C-alpha atoms as a PDB file:
ATOM      1  CA  MET A   1    -100.174 -39.916 -82.531  1.00  0.00           C
ATOM      2  CA  THR A   2    -102.471 -42.403 -80.878  1.00  0.00           C
ATOM      3  CA  THR A   3    -101.365 -45.595 -79.229  1.00  0.00           C
ATOM      4  CA  PRO A   4    -102.580 -48.691 -81.067  1.00  0.00           C
ATOM      5  CA  LEU A   5    -105.261 -50.711 -79.324  1.00  0.00           C
ATOM      6  CA  PRO A   6    -104.319 -54.071 -77.889  1.00  0.00           C
ATOM      7  CA  ILE A   7    -105.498 -56.823 -80.225  1.00  0.00           C
ATOM      8  CA  GLU A   8    -107.814 -57.966 -77.428  1.00  0.00           C
ATOM      9  CA  LEU A   9    -109.790 -54.713 -77.687  1.00  0.00           C
ATOM     10  CA  THR A  10    -109.816 -54.848 -81.477  1.00  0.00           C
ATOM     11  CA  ILE A  11    -111.277 -58.373 -81.370  1.00  0.00           C
ATOM     12  CA  LEU A  12    -113.737 -57.226 -78.700  1.00  0.00           C
ATOM     13  CA  ALA A  13    -114.915 -54.491 -81.075  1.00  0.00           C
ATOM     14  CA  LEU A  14    -115.230 -57.044 -83.873  1.00  0.00           C
ATOM     15  CA  SER A  15    -117.232 -59.258 -81.521  1.00  0.00           C
ATOM     16  CA  VAL A  16    -119.876 -56.548 -81.305  1.00  0.00           C
ATOM     17  CA  LEU A  17    -120.213 -56.761 -85.080  1.00  0.00           C
ATOM     18  CA  LEU A  18    -120.508 -60.538 -84.751  1.00  0.00           C
ATOM     19  CA  LEU A  19    -123.330 -60.049 -82.248  1.00  0.00           C
ATOM     20  CA  PHE A  20    -125.154 -57.902 -84.802  1.00  0.00           C
ATOM     21  CA  VAL A  21    -124.554 -60.532 -87.494  1.00  0.00           C
ATOM     22  CA  HIS A  22    -126.254 -63.078 -85.231  1.00  0.00           C
ATOM     23  CA  ILE A  23    -129.158 -60.747 -84.464  1.00  0.00           C
ATOM     24  CA  SER A  24    -129.606 -59.733 -88.099  1.00  0.00           C
ATOM     25  CA  LEU A  25    -129.423 -63.281 -89.398  1.00  0.00           C
ATOM     26  CA  GLN A  26    -131.946 -64.538 -86.869  1.00  0.00           C
ATOM     27  CA  GLY A  27    -134.267 -61.597 -87.499  1.00  0.00           C
ATOM     28  CA  MET A  28    -134.024 -61.911 -91.273  1.00  0.00           C
ATOM     29  CA  LEU A  29    -134.802 -65.640 -91.255  1.00  0.00           C
ATOM     30  CA  ALA A  30    -137.691 -65.273 -88.804  1.00  0.00           C
ATOM     31  CA  THR A  31    -139.124 -62.344 -90.761  1.00  0.00           C
ATOM     32  CA  ARG A  32    -138.879 -64.308 -93.993  1.00  0.00           C
ATOM     33  CA  GLU A  33    -141.136 -66.933 -92.424  1.00  0.00           C
ATOM     34  CA  ARG A  34    -143.490 -64.761 -90.409  1.00  0.00           C
ATOM     35  CA  GLY A  35    -143.605 -61.609 -92.514  1.00  0.00           C
ATOM     36  CA  SER A  36    -142.733 -57.986 -92.022  1.00  0.00           C
ATOM     37  CA  ALA A  37    -146.006 -57.231 -90.199  1.00  0.00           C
ATOM     38  CA  TRP A  38    -144.959 -59.694 -87.495  1.00  0.00           C
ATOM     39  CA  ASN A  39    -141.496 -58.134 -87.322  1.00  0.00           C
ATOM     40  CA  ALA A  40    -142.851 -54.594 -87.045  1.00  0.00           C
ATOM     41  CA  GLY A  41    -145.635 -55.564 -84.642  1.00  0.00           C
ATOM     42  CA  PRO A  42    -145.645 -56.243 -80.919  1.00  0.00           C
ATOM     43  CA  ARG A  43    -145.256 -60.021 -81.458  1.00  0.00           C
ATOM     44  CA  ASP A  44    -148.025 -60.796 -79.005  1.00  0.00           C
ATOM     45  CA  GLY A  45    -149.640 -64.192 -78.904  1.00  0.00           C
ATOM     46  CA  GLU A  46    -148.472 -67.652 -79.786  1.00  0.00           C
ATOM     47  CA  MET A  47    -146.593 -68.171 -83.001  1.00  0.00           C
ATOM     48  CA  PRO A  48    -146.096 -71.469 -84.742  1.00  0.00           C
ATOM     49  CA  PRO A  49    -142.623 -72.929 -84.345  1.00  0.00           C
ATOM     50  CA  LEU A  50    -140.006 -71.655 -86.736  1.00  0.00           C
ATOM     51  CA  LYS A  51    -138.843 -73.886 -89.543  1.00  0.00           C
ATOM     52  CA  PRO A  52    -135.438 -75.541 -89.022  1.00  0.00           C
ATOM     53  CA  LEU A  53    -133.153 -72.860 -90.500  1.00  0.00           C
ATOM     54  CA  ALA A  54    -134.735 -69.930 -88.637  1.00  0.00           C
ATOM     55  CA  ALA A  55    -134.966 -72.020 -85.461  1.00  0.00           C
ATOM     56  CA  ARG A  56    -131.267 -72.882 -85.720  1.00  0.00           C
ATOM     57  CA  ALA A  57    -130.399 -69.207 -86.170  1.00  0.00           C
ATOM     58  CA  GLU A  58    -132.437 -68.427 -83.046  1.00  0.00           C
ATOM     59  CA  ARG A  59    -130.652 -71.140 -81.032  1.00  0.00           C
ATOM     60  CA  ALA A  60    -127.247 -70.061 -82.346  1.00  0.00           C
ATOM     61  CA  LEU A  61    -127.970 -66.507 -81.197  1.00  0.00           C
ATOM     62  CA  ALA A  62    -129.097 -67.764 -77.791  1.00  0.00           C
ATOM     63  CA  ASN A  63    -125.908 -69.808 -77.514  1.00  0.00           C
ATOM     64  CA  PHE A  64    -123.798 -66.777 -78.407  1.00  0.00           C
ATOM     65  CA  ARG A  65    -125.576 -64.653 -75.793  1.00  0.00           C
ATOM     66  CA  GLU A  66    -124.948 -67.308 -73.118  1.00  0.00           C
ATOM     67  CA  THR A  67    -121.148 -67.173 -73.409  1.00  0.00           C
ATOM     68  CA  TYR A  68    -120.596 -63.668 -74.772  1.00  0.00           C
ATOM     69  CA  PRO A  69    -120.613 -61.956 -71.349  1.00  0.00           C
ATOM     70  CA  ALA A  70    -117.801 -64.271 -70.207  1.00  0.00           C
ATOM     71  CA  PHE A  71    -115.737 -63.322 -73.256  1.00  0.00           C
ATOM     72  CA  VAL A  72    -116.335 -59.604 -72.730  1.00  0.00           C
ATOM     73  CA  ALA A  73    -115.482 -59.836 -69.031  1.00  0.00           C
ATOM     74  CA  ALA A  74    -112.314 -61.865 -69.677  1.00  0.00           C
ATOM     75  CA  VAL A  75    -111.063 -59.405 -72.281  1.00  0.00           C
ATOM     76  CA  LEU A  76    -111.819 -56.365 -70.134  1.00  0.00           C
ATOM     77  CA  VAL A  77    -110.096 -57.849 -67.070  1.00  0.00           C
ATOM     78  CA  VAL A  78    -106.982 -58.652 -69.093  1.00  0.00           C
ATOM     79  CA  VAL A  79    -106.885 -55.199 -70.699  1.00  0.00           C
ATOM     80  CA  VAL A  80    -107.581 -53.267 -67.481  1.00  0.00           C
ATOM     81  CA  SER A  81    -104.927 -55.265 -65.641  1.00  0.00           C
ATOM     82  CA  GLY A  82    -102.416 -54.469 -68.374  1.00  0.00           C
ATOM     83  CA  ARG A  83    -101.734 -58.143 -69.070  1.00  0.00           C
ATOM     84  CA  THR A  84    -102.484 -58.275 -72.770  1.00  0.00           C
ATOM     85  CA  GLY A  85    -100.552 -60.265 -75.332  1.00  0.00           C
ATOM     86  CA  GLY A  86     -99.354 -63.836 -75.375  1.00  0.00           C
ATOM     87  CA  TRP A  87    -102.069 -66.280 -74.412  1.00  0.00           C
ATOM     88  CA  SER A  88    -104.808 -63.652 -74.298  1.00  0.00           C
ATOM     89  CA  GLU A  89    -104.026 -62.607 -77.853  1.00  0.00           C
ATOM     90  CA  ALA A  90    -104.152 -66.228 -79.002  1.00  0.00           C
ATOM     91  CA  GLY A  91    -107.349 -66.717 -77.002  1.00  0.00           C
ATOM     92  CA  VAL A  92    -109.277 -63.839 -78.548  1.00  0.00           C
ATOM     93  CA  TRP A  93    -108.324 -64.979 -82.042  1.00  0.00           C
ATOM     94  CA  LEU A  94    -109.326 -68.553 -81.258  1.00  0.00           C
ATOM     95  CA  TRP A  95    -112.623 -67.370 -79.781  1.00  0.00           C
ATOM     96  CA  LEU A  96    -113.428 -65.156 -82.784  1.00  0.00           C
ATOM     97  CA  LEU A  97    -112.551 -67.745 -85.416  1.00  0.00           C
ATOM     98  CA  ALA A  98    -114.447 -70.485 -83.574  1.00  0.00           C
ATOM     99  CA  ARG A  99    -117.532 -68.293 -83.161  1.00  0.00           C
ATOM    100  CA  LEU A 100    -117.400 -67.368 -86.856  1.00  0.00           C
ATOM    101  CA  ALA A 101    -117.225 -71.060 -87.775  1.00  0.00           C
ATOM    102  CA  TYR A 102    -120.054 -71.872 -85.371  1.00  0.00           C
ATOM    103  CA  ILE A 103    -122.693 -69.941 -87.318  1.00  0.00           C
ATOM    104  CA  PRO A 104    -122.604 -71.852 -90.622  1.00  0.00           C
ATOM    105  CA  LEU A 105    -122.021 -75.137 -88.805  1.00  0.00           C
ATOM    106  CA  TYR A 106    -125.136 -74.601 -86.706  1.00  0.00           C
ATOM    107  CA  LEU A 107    -127.249 -73.358 -89.603  1.00  0.00           C
ATOM    108  CA  ALA A 108    -126.225 -76.387 -91.677  1.00  0.00           C
ATOM    109  CA  GLY A 109    -127.151 -78.701 -88.796  1.00  0.00           C
ATOM    110  CA  ILE A 110    -123.690 -80.265 -88.633  1.00  0.00           C
ATOM    111  CA  PRO A 111    -123.305 -82.089 -85.316  1.00  0.00           C
ATOM    112  CA  TYR A 112    -120.038 -82.756 -83.473  1.00  0.00           C
ATOM    113  CA  ILE A 113    -117.965 -80.326 -85.546  1.00  0.00           C
ATOM    114  CA  ARG A 114    -120.295 -77.565 -84.348  1.00  0.00           C
ATOM    115  CA  SER A 115    -119.662 -78.756 -80.794  1.00  0.00           C
ATOM    116  CA  LEU A 116    -115.920 -78.670 -81.447  1.00  0.00           C
ATOM    117  CA  ALA A 117    -116.253 -75.057 -82.586  1.00  0.00           C
ATOM    118  CA  TRP A 118    -118.062 -74.225 -79.352  1.00  0.00           C
ATOM    119  CA  ILE A 119    -115.378 -75.997 -77.312  1.00  0.00           C
ATOM    120  CA  ALA A 120    -112.672 -74.092 -79.205  1.00  0.00           C
ATOM    121  CA  SER A 121    -114.387 -70.801 -78.367  1.00  0.00           C
ATOM    122  CA  ALA A 122    -114.561 -71.792 -74.694  1.00  0.00           C
ATOM    123  CA  ILE A 123    -110.856 -72.686 -74.767  1.00  0.00           C
ATOM    124  CA  GLY A 124    -110.265 -69.237 -76.243  1.00  0.00           C
ATOM    125  CA  ILE A 125    -111.888 -67.644 -73.188  1.00  0.00           C
ATOM    126  CA  VAL A 126    -109.786 -69.836 -70.885  1.00  0.00           C
ATOM    127  CA  LEU A 127    -106.637 -68.773 -72.751  1.00  0.00           C
ATOM    128  CA  VAL A 128    -107.563 -65.116 -72.272  1.00  0.00           C
ATOM    129  CA  LEU A 129    -108.022 -65.713 -68.539  1.00  0.00           C
ATOM    130  CA  SER A 130    -104.805 -67.712 -68.301  1.00  0.00           C
ATOM    131  CA  GLN A 131    -102.942 -64.494 -69.089  1.00  0.00           C
ATOM    132  CA  LEU A 132    -103.884 -63.361 -65.580  1.00  0.00           C
ATOM    133  CA  LEU A 133    -101.934 -66.192 -63.899  1.00  0.00           C
END
């Protein structure tokens, strides 16, 4: 019988799927505007700016990539140190739910609440790290 994974590693695995959701969404929206030849090609040269929805998806992906390494590192440090559970468990859930909420909020162009979702995800990372104290 195998030992169950700590919830922190399960959420980390789900976060990889979330990364691919971001990448796929951004790629799909950009391809819808620029066409499949652009997507399949080398993408050389200047392209006109993306329309708002595709541009928001691109910025949301960039935002995710900026903080994702911190989340991955925090989770791995907590798991490797054997200090899972408690605050780190709450933190990974908060991070995941906030990042899931962030996507539609950003795509819809909703200010302030989107920022609150980002802040909640950052607090989630801090909670994970607080498990080390």
